Amino acid sequence: LRLRALSPAAAADPYRAEDETPARFVPRFNFSADDLM
């Protein structure tokens, strides 16, 4: 049902709300691929 899910902007930031309001959940730990590997 989501048409915006196919757009690159929606896939870029999973923490951005659909209505562009500030996210209620902000991740505390953003691990890079190098950190994880």
PDB file of all heavy atoms in Angstrom:
ATOM      1  N   LEU A   1       0.801  -1.215   0.000  1.00  0.00           N
ATOM      2  CA  LEU A   1       0.000   0.000   0.000  1.00  0.00           C
ATOM      3  C   LEU A   1       0.838   1.272   0.000  1.00  0.00           C
ATOM      4  O   LEU A   1       0.301   2.357  -0.172  1.00  0.00           O
ATOM      5  CB  LEU A   1      -0.930   0.004   1.221  1.00  0.00           C
ATOM      6  CG  LEU A   1      -1.941  -1.136   1.271  1.00  0.00           C
ATOM      7  CD1 LEU A   1      -2.735  -1.051   2.557  1.00  0.00           C
ATOM      8  CD2 LEU A   1      -2.846  -1.112   0.069  1.00  0.00           C
ATOM      9  N   ARG A   2       2.103   1.169   0.197  1.00  0.00           N
ATOM     10  CA  ARG A   2       2.962   2.352   0.244  1.00  0.00           C
ATOM     11  C   ARG A   2       3.540   2.632  -1.125  1.00  0.00           C
ATOM     12  O   ARG A   2       4.339   1.866  -1.645  1.00  0.00           O
ATOM     13  CB  ARG A   2       4.116   2.143   1.211  1.00  0.00           C
ATOM     14  CG  ARG A   2       3.712   2.211   2.625  1.00  0.00           C
ATOM     15  CD  ARG A   2       4.953   2.212   3.450  1.00  0.00           C
ATOM     16  NE  ARG A   2       4.588   2.207   4.850  1.00  0.00           N
ATOM     17  CZ  ARG A   2       5.457   2.229   5.811  1.00  0.00           C
ATOM     18  NH1 ARG A   2       6.729   2.236   5.542  1.00  0.00           N
ATOM     19  NH2 ARG A   2       5.070   2.220   7.059  1.00  0.00           N
ATOM     20  N   LEU A   3       3.191   3.755  -1.664  1.00  0.00           N
ATOM     21  CA  LEU A   3       3.753   4.133  -2.954  1.00  0.00           C
ATOM     22  C   LEU A   3       5.096   4.830  -2.762  1.00  0.00           C
ATOM     23  O   LEU A   3       5.973   4.753  -3.608  1.00  0.00           O
ATOM     24  CB  LEU A   3       2.776   5.044  -3.698  1.00  0.00           C
ATOM     25  CG  LEU A   3       1.432   4.392  -4.022  1.00  0.00           C
ATOM     26  CD1 LEU A   3       0.512   5.423  -4.665  1.00  0.00           C
ATOM     27  CD2 LEU A   3       1.625   3.194  -4.930  1.00  0.00           C
ATOM     28  N   ARG A   4       5.263   5.506  -1.629  1.00  0.00           N
ATOM     29  CA  ARG A   4       6.516   6.217  -1.382  1.00  0.00           C
ATOM     30  C   ARG A   4       7.648   5.280  -1.009  1.00  0.00           C
ATOM     31  O   ARG A   4       8.806   5.668  -1.009  1.00  0.00           O
ATOM     32  CB  ARG A   4       6.326   7.219  -0.254  1.00  0.00           C
ATOM     33  CG  ARG A   4       5.474   8.390  -0.682  1.00  0.00           C
ATOM     34  CD  ARG A   4       5.453   9.460   0.356  1.00  0.00           C
ATOM     35  NE  ARG A   4       6.817   9.778   0.730  1.00  0.00           N
ATOM     36  CZ  ARG A   4       7.138  10.398   1.842  1.00  0.00           C
ATOM     37  NH1 ARG A   4       6.213  10.749   2.687  1.00  0.00           N
ATOM     38  NH2 ARG A   4       8.390  10.653   2.130  1.00  0.00           N
ATOM     39  N   ALA A   5       7.350   4.057  -0.666  1.00  0.00           N
ATOM     40  CA  ALA A   5       8.391   3.107  -0.251  1.00  0.00           C
ATOM     41  C   ALA A   5       9.342   2.803  -1.397  1.00  0.00           C
ATOM     42  O   ALA A   5      10.480   2.408  -1.176  1.00  0.00           O
ATOM     43  CB  ALA A   5       7.765   1.822   0.253  1.00  0.00           C
ATOM     44  N   LEU A   6       8.915   3.005  -2.608  1.00  0.00           N
ATOM     45  CA  LEU A   6       9.767   2.733  -3.760  1.00  0.00           C
ATOM     46  C   LEU A   6      10.673   3.902  -4.083  1.00  0.00           C
ATOM     47  O   LEU A   6      11.617   3.758  -4.843  1.00  0.00           O
ATOM     48  CB  LEU A   6       8.895   2.388  -4.977  1.00  0.00           C
ATOM     49  CG  LEU A   6       7.996   1.156  -4.791  1.00  0.00           C
ATOM     50  CD1 LEU A   6       7.099   0.992  -6.004  1.00  0.00           C
ATOM     51  CD2 LEU A   6       8.813  -0.085  -4.556  1.00  0.00           C
ATOM     52  N   SER A   7      10.404   5.069  -3.517  1.00  0.00           N
ATOM     53  CA  SER A   7      11.225   6.237  -3.816  1.00  0.00           C
ATOM     54  C   SER A   7      12.542   6.153  -3.053  1.00  0.00           C
ATOM     55  O   SER A   7      12.600   5.648  -1.942  1.00  0.00           O
ATOM     56  CB  SER A   7      10.483   7.521  -3.448  1.00  0.00           C
ATOM     57  OG  SER A   7      10.361   7.608  -2.052  1.00  0.00           O
ATOM     58  N   PRO A   8      13.641   6.681  -3.635  1.00  0.00           N
ATOM     59  CA  PRO A   8      14.940   6.603  -2.953  1.00  0.00           C
ATOM     60  C   PRO A   8      14.981   7.420  -1.669  1.00  0.00           C
ATOM     61  O   PRO A   8      15.703   7.086  -0.757  1.00  0.00           O
ATOM     62  CB  PRO A   8      15.929   7.151  -3.983  1.00  0.00           C
ATOM     63  CG  PRO A   8      15.138   7.705  -5.107  1.00  0.00           C
ATOM     64  CD  PRO A   8      13.721   7.268  -4.955  1.00  0.00           C
ATOM     65  N   ALA A   9      14.197   8.480  -1.547  1.00  0.00           N
ATOM     66  CA  ALA A   9      14.227   9.305  -0.335  1.00  0.00           C
ATOM     67  C   ALA A   9      13.700   8.526   0.863  1.00  0.00           C
ATOM     68  O   ALA A   9      14.205   8.649   1.966  1.00  0.00           O
ATOM     69  CB  ALA A   9      13.409  10.573  -0.551  1.00  0.00           C
ATOM     70  N   ALA A  10      12.678   7.724   0.640  1.00  0.00           N
ATOM     71  CA  ALA A  10      12.104   6.954   1.746  1.00  0.00           C
ATOM     72  C   ALA A  10      13.047   5.853   2.199  1.00  0.00           C
ATOM     73  O   ALA A  10      13.111   5.526   3.363  1.00  0.00           O
ATOM     74  CB  ALA A  10      10.767   6.347   1.329  1.00  0.00           C
ATOM     75  N   ALA A  11      13.805   5.278   1.288  1.00  0.00           N
ATOM     76  CA  ALA A  11      14.714   4.199   1.634  1.00  0.00           C
ATOM     77  C   ALA A  11      15.997   4.720   2.284  1.00  0.00           C
ATOM     78  O   ALA A  11      16.686   3.981   2.958  1.00  0.00           O
ATOM     79  CB  ALA A  11      15.061   3.395   0.388  1.00  0.00           C
ATOM     80  N   ALA A  12      16.309   6.000   2.104  1.00  0.00           N
ATOM     81  CA  ALA A  12      17.568   6.538   2.599  1.00  0.00           C
ATOM     82  C   ALA A  12      17.603   6.634   4.118  1.00  0.00           C
ATOM     83  O   ALA A  12      18.604   6.321   4.728  1.00  0.00           O
ATOM     84  CB  ALA A  12      17.820   7.911   1.980  1.00  0.00           C
ATOM     85  N   ASP A  13      16.512   7.072   4.738  1.00  0.00           N
ATOM     86  CA  ASP A  13      16.508   7.262   6.178  1.00  0.00           C
ATOM     87  C   ASP A  13      15.328   6.532   6.803  1.00  0.00           C
ATOM     88  O   ASP A  13      14.197   7.010   6.758  1.00  0.00           O
ATOM     89  CB  ASP A  13      16.426   8.751   6.512  1.00  0.00           C
ATOM     90  CG  ASP A  13      16.586   9.022   7.996  1.00  0.00           C
ATOM     91  OD1 ASP A  13      16.875   8.070   8.751  1.00  0.00           O
ATOM     92  OD2 ASP A  13      16.448  10.192   8.404  1.00  0.00           O
ATOM     93  N   PRO A  14      15.564   5.376   7.407  1.00  0.00           N
ATOM     94  CA  PRO A  14      14.446   4.627   7.987  1.00  0.00           C
ATOM     95  C   PRO A  14      13.857   5.280   9.229  1.00  0.00           C
ATOM     96  O   PRO A  14      12.803   4.877   9.688  1.00  0.00           O
ATOM     97  CB  PRO A  14      15.076   3.274   8.331  1.00  0.00           C
ATOM     98  CG  PRO A  14      16.516   3.569   8.507  1.00  0.00           C
ATOM     99  CD  PRO A  14      16.827   4.686   7.565  1.00  0.00           C
ATOM    100  N   TYR A  15      14.519   6.299   9.780  1.00  0.00           N
ATOM    101  CA  TYR A  15      14.042   6.941  11.001  1.00  0.00           C
ATOM    102  C   TYR A  15      13.229   8.199  10.716  1.00  0.00           C
ATOM    103  O   TYR A  15      12.763   8.851  11.617  1.00  0.00           O
ATOM    104  CB  TYR A  15      15.213   7.281  11.919  1.00  0.00           C
ATOM    105  CG  TYR A  15      16.003   6.066  12.297  1.00  0.00           C
ATOM    106  CD1 TYR A  15      17.272   5.848  11.807  1.00  0.00           C
ATOM    107  CD2 TYR A  15      15.451   5.106  13.126  1.00  0.00           C
ATOM    108  CE1 TYR A  15      17.976   4.712  12.133  1.00  0.00           C
ATOM    109  CE2 TYR A  15      16.149   3.959  13.461  1.00  0.00           C
ATOM    110  CZ  TYR A  15      17.412   3.777  12.970  1.00  0.00           C
ATOM    111  OH  TYR A  15      18.106   2.653  13.292  1.00  0.00           O
ATOM    112  N   ARG A  16      13.070   8.561   9.453  1.00  0.00           N
ATOM    113  CA  ARG A  16      12.295   9.743   9.098  1.00  0.00           C
ATOM    114  C   ARG A  16      10.834   9.346   8.952  1.00  0.00           C
ATOM    115  O   ARG A  16      10.503   8.389   8.288  1.00  0.00           O
ATOM    116  CB  ARG A  16      12.800  10.359   7.796  1.00  0.00           C
ATOM    117  CG  ARG A  16      12.045  11.621   7.414  1.00  0.00           C
ATOM    118  CD  ARG A  16      12.752  12.393   6.334  1.00  0.00           C
ATOM    119  NE  ARG A  16      14.035  12.884   6.773  1.00  0.00           N
ATOM    120  CZ  ARG A  16      14.215  14.011   7.465  1.00  0.00           C
ATOM    121  NH1 ARG A  16      13.202  14.742   7.804  1.00  0.00           N
ATOM    122  NH2 ARG A  16      15.417  14.388   7.825  1.00  0.00           N
ATOM    123  N   ALA A  17       9.962  10.107   9.581  1.00  0.00           N
ATOM    124  CA  ALA A  17       8.533   9.829   9.515  1.00  0.00           C
ATOM    125  C   ALA A  17       7.998  10.173   8.133  1.00  0.00           C
ATOM    126  O   ALA A  17       8.560  11.016   7.416  1.00  0.00           O
ATOM    127  CB  ALA A  17       7.799  10.639  10.578  1.00  0.00           C
ATOM    128  N   GLU A  18       6.902   9.535   7.758  1.00  0.00           N
ATOM    129  CA  GLU A  18       6.318   9.771   6.436  1.00  0.00           C
ATOM    130  C   GLU A  18       5.821  11.193   6.275  1.00  0.00           C
ATOM    131  O   GLU A  18       5.859  11.749   5.181  1.00  0.00           O
ATOM    132  CB  GLU A  18       5.169   8.791   6.198  1.00  0.00           C
ATOM    133  CG  GLU A  18       5.634   7.372   6.035  1.00  0.00           C
ATOM    134  CD  GLU A  18       4.477   6.413   5.842  1.00  0.00           C
ATOM    135  OE1 GLU A  18       3.321   6.858   5.782  1.00  0.00           O
ATOM    136  OE2 GLU A  18       4.756   5.217   5.743  1.00  0.00           O
ATOM    137  N   ASP A  19       5.337  11.804   7.340  1.00  0.00           N
ATOM    138  CA  ASP A  19       4.814  13.171   7.242  1.00  0.00           C
ATOM    139  C   ASP A  19       5.894  14.220   7.500  1.00  0.00           C
ATOM    140  O   ASP A  19       5.589  15.384   7.710  1.00  0.00           O
ATOM    141  CB  ASP A  19       3.640  13.359   8.192  1.00  0.00           C
ATOM    142  CG  ASP A  19       4.029  13.125   9.647  1.00  0.00           C
ATOM    143  OD1 ASP A  19       5.181  12.719   9.898  1.00  0.00           O
ATOM    144  OD2 ASP A  19       3.174  13.340  10.528  1.00  0.00           O
ATOM    145  N   GLU A  20       7.161  13.790   7.506  1.00  0.00           N
ATOM    146  CA  GLU A  20       8.334  14.660   7.660  1.00  0.00           C
ATOM    147  C   GLU A  20       8.420  15.322   9.028  1.00  0.00           C
ATOM    148  O   GLU A  20       9.151  16.287   9.204  1.00  0.00           O
ATOM    149  CB  GLU A  20       8.372  15.739   6.559  1.00  0.00           C
ATOM    150  CG  GLU A  20       8.446  15.176   5.156  1.00  0.00           C
ATOM    151  CD  GLU A  20       9.699  14.344   4.918  1.00  0.00           C
ATOM    152  OE1 GLU A  20      10.768  14.708   5.417  1.00  0.00           O
ATOM    153  OE2 GLU A  20       9.587  13.326   4.221  1.00  0.00           O
ATOM    154  N   THR A  21       7.699  14.822  10.030  1.00  0.00           N
ATOM    155  CA  THR A  21       7.843  15.351  11.387  1.00  0.00           C
ATOM    156  C   THR A  21       9.127  14.784  11.984  1.00  0.00           C
ATOM    157  O   THR A  21       9.626  13.754  11.536  1.00  0.00           O
ATOM    158  CB  THR A  21       6.642  14.951  12.276  1.00  0.00           C
ATOM    159  OG1 THR A  21       6.559  13.525  12.299  1.00  0.00           O
ATOM    160  CG2 THR A  21       5.359  15.556  11.769  1.00  0.00           C
ATOM    161  N   PRO A  22       9.668  15.439  12.995  1.00  0.00           N
ATOM    162  CA  PRO A  22      10.885  14.901  13.617  1.00  0.00           C
ATOM    163  C   PRO A  22      10.629  13.506  14.183  1.00  0.00           C
ATOM    164  O   PRO A  22       9.550  13.218  14.691  1.00  0.00           O
ATOM    165  CB  PRO A  22      11.196  15.894  14.736  1.00  0.00           C
ATOM    166  CG  PRO A  22      10.442  17.131  14.394  1.00  0.00           C
ATOM    167  CD  PRO A  22       9.257  16.698  13.575  1.00  0.00           C
ATOM    168  N   ALA A  23      11.612  12.677  14.093  1.00  0.00           N
ATOM    169  CA  ALA A  23      11.475  11.297  14.560  1.00  0.00           C
ATOM    170  C   ALA A  23      11.334  11.265  16.068  1.00  0.00           C
ATOM    171  O   ALA A  23      12.012  12.004  16.780  1.00  0.00           O
ATOM    172  CB  ALA A  23      12.671  10.486  14.117  1.00  0.00           C
ATOM    173  N   ARG A  24      10.446  10.398  16.554  1.00  0.00           N
ATOM    174  CA  ARG A  24      10.303  10.217  18.000  1.00  0.00           C
ATOM    175  C   ARG A  24      11.398   9.302  18.525  1.00  0.00           C
ATOM    176  O   ARG A  24      11.806   9.403  19.652  1.00  0.00           O
ATOM    177  CB  ARG A  24       8.938   9.636  18.325  1.00  0.00           C
ATOM    178  CG  ARG A  24       7.838  10.671  18.177  1.00  0.00           C
ATOM    179  CD  ARG A  24       6.513  10.084  18.530  1.00  0.00           C
ATOM    180  NE  ARG A  24       6.059   9.370  17.354  1.00  0.00           N
ATOM    181  CZ  ARG A  24       5.096   8.494  17.323  1.00  0.00           C
ATOM    182  NH1 ARG A  24       4.456   8.200  18.421  1.00  0.00           N
ATOM    183  NH2 ARG A  24       4.735   7.898  16.215  1.00  0.00           N
ATOM    184  N   PHE A  25      11.872   8.388  17.684  1.00  0.00           N
ATOM    185  CA  PHE A  25      12.944   7.475  18.064  1.00  0.00           C
ATOM    186  C   PHE A  25      14.216   7.911  17.362  1.00  0.00           C
ATOM    187  O   PHE A  25      14.268   7.974  16.145  1.00  0.00           O
ATOM    188  CB  PHE A  25      12.609   6.043  17.652  1.00  0.00           C
ATOM    189  CG  PHE A  25      13.786   5.118  17.732  1.00  0.00           C
ATOM    190  CD1 PHE A  25      14.269   4.709  18.956  1.00  0.00           C
ATOM    191  CD2 PHE A  25      14.434   4.684  16.590  1.00  0.00           C
ATOM    192  CE1 PHE A  25      15.357   3.865  19.036  1.00  0.00           C
ATOM    193  CE2 PHE A  25      15.527   3.850  16.664  1.00  0.00           C
ATOM    194  CZ  PHE A  25      15.981   3.439  17.892  1.00  0.00           C
ATOM    195  N   VAL A  26      15.197   8.248  18.121  1.00  0.00           N
ATOM    196  CA  VAL A  26      16.489   8.617  17.554  1.00  0.00           C
ATOM    197  C   VAL A  26      17.488   7.577  18.027  1.00  0.00           C
ATOM    198  O   VAL A  26      17.672   7.377  19.224  1.00  0.00           O
ATOM    199  CB  VAL A  26      16.917  10.030  18.004  1.00  0.00           C
ATOM    200  CG1 VAL A  26      18.275  10.390  17.420  1.00  0.00           C
ATOM    201  CG2 VAL A  26      15.870  11.049  17.600  1.00  0.00           C
ATOM    202  N   PRO A  27      18.153   6.869  17.105  1.00  0.00           N
ATOM    203  CA  PRO A  27      19.095   5.822  17.521  1.00  0.00           C
ATOM    204  C   PRO A  27      20.281   6.414  18.267  1.00  0.00           C
ATOM    205  O   PRO A  27      20.829   7.435  17.863  1.00  0.00           O
ATOM    206  CB  PRO A  27      19.526   5.183  16.205  1.00  0.00           C
ATOM    207  CG  PRO A  27      19.286   6.224  15.175  1.00  0.00           C
ATOM    208  CD  PRO A  27      18.110   7.023  15.649  1.00  0.00           C
ATOM    209  N   ARG A  28      20.650   5.765  19.369  1.00  0.00           N
ATOM    210  CA  ARG A  28      21.797   6.229  20.141  1.00  0.00           C
ATOM    211  C   ARG A  28      23.100   5.703  19.583  1.00  0.00           C
ATOM    212  O   ARG A  28      24.135   6.332  19.703  1.00  0.00           O
ATOM    213  CB  ARG A  28      21.663   5.772  21.596  1.00  0.00           C
ATOM    214  CG  ARG A  28      20.793   6.678  22.408  1.00  0.00           C
ATOM    215  CD  ARG A  28      20.715   6.270  23.850  1.00  0.00           C
ATOM    216  NE  ARG A  28      22.015   6.158  24.477  1.00  0.00           N
ATOM    217  CZ  ARG A  28      22.232   5.469  25.565  1.00  0.00           C
ATOM    218  NH1 ARG A  28      21.265   4.820  26.151  1.00  0.00           N
ATOM    219  NH2 ARG A  28      23.439   5.415  26.087  1.00  0.00           N
ATOM    220  N   PHE A  29      23.068   4.508  19.008  1.00  0.00           N
ATOM    221  CA  PHE A  29      24.283   3.884  18.539  1.00  0.00           C
ATOM    222  C   PHE A  29      24.177   3.659  17.041  1.00  0.00           C
ATOM    223  O   PHE A  29      23.433   2.799  16.600  1.00  0.00           O
ATOM    224  CB  PHE A  29      24.516   2.549  19.248  1.00  0.00           C
ATOM    225  CG  PHE A  29      24.536   2.680  20.750  1.00  0.00           C
ATOM    226  CD1 PHE A  29      23.488   2.203  21.505  1.00  0.00           C
ATOM    227  CD2 PHE A  29      25.588   3.303  21.385  1.00  0.00           C
ATOM    228  CE1 PHE A  29      23.494   2.326  22.882  1.00  0.00           C
ATOM    229  CE2 PHE A  29      25.609   3.434  22.755  1.00  0.00           C
ATOM    230  CZ  PHE A  29      24.561   2.948  23.513  1.00  0.00           C
ATOM    231  N   ASN A  30      24.869   4.445  16.284  1.00  0.00           N
ATOM    232  CA  ASN A  30      24.910   4.253  14.839  1.00  0.00           C
ATOM    233  C   ASN A  30      26.248   3.612  14.512  1.00  0.00           C
ATOM    234  O   ASN A  30      27.276   4.277  14.479  1.00  0.00           O
ATOM    235  CB  ASN A  30      24.766   5.586  14.091  1.00  0.00           C
ATOM    236  CG  ASN A  30      23.370   6.147  14.231  1.00  0.00           C
ATOM    237  OD1 ASN A  30      22.406   5.389  14.185  1.00  0.00           O
ATOM    238  ND2 ASN A  30      23.257   7.440  14.406  1.00  0.00           N
ATOM    239  N   PHE A  31      26.231   2.310  14.307  1.00  0.00           N
ATOM    240  CA  PHE A  31      27.456   1.589  14.027  1.00  0.00           C
ATOM    241  C   PHE A  31      27.716   1.585  12.537  1.00  0.00           C
ATOM    242  O   PHE A  31      26.821   1.300  11.742  1.00  0.00           O
ATOM    243  CB  PHE A  31      27.357   0.142  14.535  1.00  0.00           C
ATOM    244  CG  PHE A  31      27.204   0.055  16.024  1.00  0.00           C
ATOM    245  CD1 PHE A  31      26.008  -0.341  16.584  1.00  0.00           C
ATOM    246  CD2 PHE A  31      28.255   0.372  16.860  1.00  0.00           C
ATOM    247  CE1 PHE A  31      25.861  -0.434  17.955  1.00  0.00           C
ATOM    248  CE2 PHE A  31      28.121   0.285  18.228  1.00  0.00           C
ATOM    249  CZ  PHE A  31      26.925  -0.111  18.783  1.00  0.00           C
ATOM    250  N   SER A  32      28.937   1.868  12.148  1.00  0.00           N
ATOM    251  CA  SER A  32      29.310   1.803  10.742  1.00  0.00           C
ATOM    252  C   SER A  32      29.564   0.349  10.365  1.00  0.00           C
ATOM    253  O   SER A  32      29.690  -0.525  11.221  1.00  0.00           O
ATOM    254  CB  SER A  32      30.570   2.640  10.494  1.00  0.00           C
ATOM    255  OG  SER A  32      31.677   2.027  11.143  1.00  0.00           O
ATOM    256  N   ALA A  33      29.650   0.099   9.073  1.00  0.00           N
ATOM    257  CA  ALA A  33      29.931  -1.259   8.597  1.00  0.00           C
ATOM    258  C   ALA A  33      31.296  -1.717   9.113  1.00  0.00           C
ATOM    259  O   ALA A  33      31.478  -2.890   9.445  1.00  0.00           O
ATOM    260  CB  ALA A  33      29.881  -1.307   7.080  1.00  0.00           C
ATOM    261  N   ASP A  34      32.264  -0.796   9.201  1.00  0.00           N
ATOM    262  CA  ASP A  34      33.588  -1.152   9.720  1.00  0.00           C
ATOM    263  C   ASP A  34      33.511  -1.568  11.195  1.00  0.00           C
ATOM    264  O   ASP A  34      34.194  -2.493  11.621  1.00  0.00           O
ATOM    265  CB  ASP A  34      34.565   0.019   9.571  1.00  0.00           C
ATOM    266  CG  ASP A  34      34.918   0.284   8.121  1.00  0.00           C
ATOM    267  OD1 ASP A  34      34.789  -0.649   7.304  1.00  0.00           O
ATOM    268  OD2 ASP A  34      35.309   1.424   7.814  1.00  0.00           O
ATOM    269  N   ASP A  35      32.673  -0.863  11.971  1.00  0.00           N
ATOM    270  CA  ASP A  35      32.509  -1.231  13.379  1.00  0.00           C
ATOM    271  C   ASP A  35      31.928  -2.625  13.520  1.00  0.00           C
ATOM    272  O   ASP A  35      32.343  -3.406  14.377  1.00  0.00           O
ATOM    273  CB  ASP A  35      31.585  -0.247  14.093  1.00  0.00           C
ATOM    274  CG  ASP A  35      32.229   1.104  14.311  1.00  0.00           C
ATOM    275  OD1 ASP A  35      33.468   1.165  14.343  1.00  0.00           O
ATOM    276  OD2 ASP A  35      31.485   2.093  14.437  1.00  0.00           O
ATOM    277  N   LEU A  36      30.948  -2.939  12.695  1.00  0.00           N
ATOM    278  CA  LEU A  36      30.288  -4.228  12.793  1.00  0.00           C
ATOM    279  C   LEU A  36      31.142  -5.376  12.275  1.00  0.00           C
ATOM    280  O   LEU A  36      30.975  -6.512  12.702  1.00  0.00           O
ATOM    281  CB  LEU A  36      28.956  -4.193  12.036  1.00  0.00           C
ATOM    282  CG  LEU A  36      27.929  -3.225  12.614  1.00  0.00           C
ATOM    283  CD1 LEU A  36      26.716  -3.162  11.704  1.00  0.00           C
ATOM    284  CD2 LEU A  36      27.528  -3.616  14.013  1.00  0.00           C
ATOM    285  N   MET A  37      32.050  -5.108  11.360  1.00  0.00           N
ATOM    286  CA  MET A  37      32.860  -6.160  10.751  1.00  0.00           C
ATOM    287  C   MET A  37      34.266  -6.249  11.342  1.00  0.00           C
ATOM    288  O   MET A  37      35.070  -7.046  10.883  1.00  0.00           O
ATOM    289  CB  MET A  37      32.958  -5.930   9.236  1.00  0.00           C
ATOM    290  CG  MET A  37      31.618  -5.978   8.523  1.00  0.00           C
ATOM    291  SD  MET A  37      30.730  -7.516   8.771  1.00  0.00           S
ATOM    292  CE  MET A  37      31.754  -8.635   7.870  1.00  0.00           C
TER     293      MET A  37
END
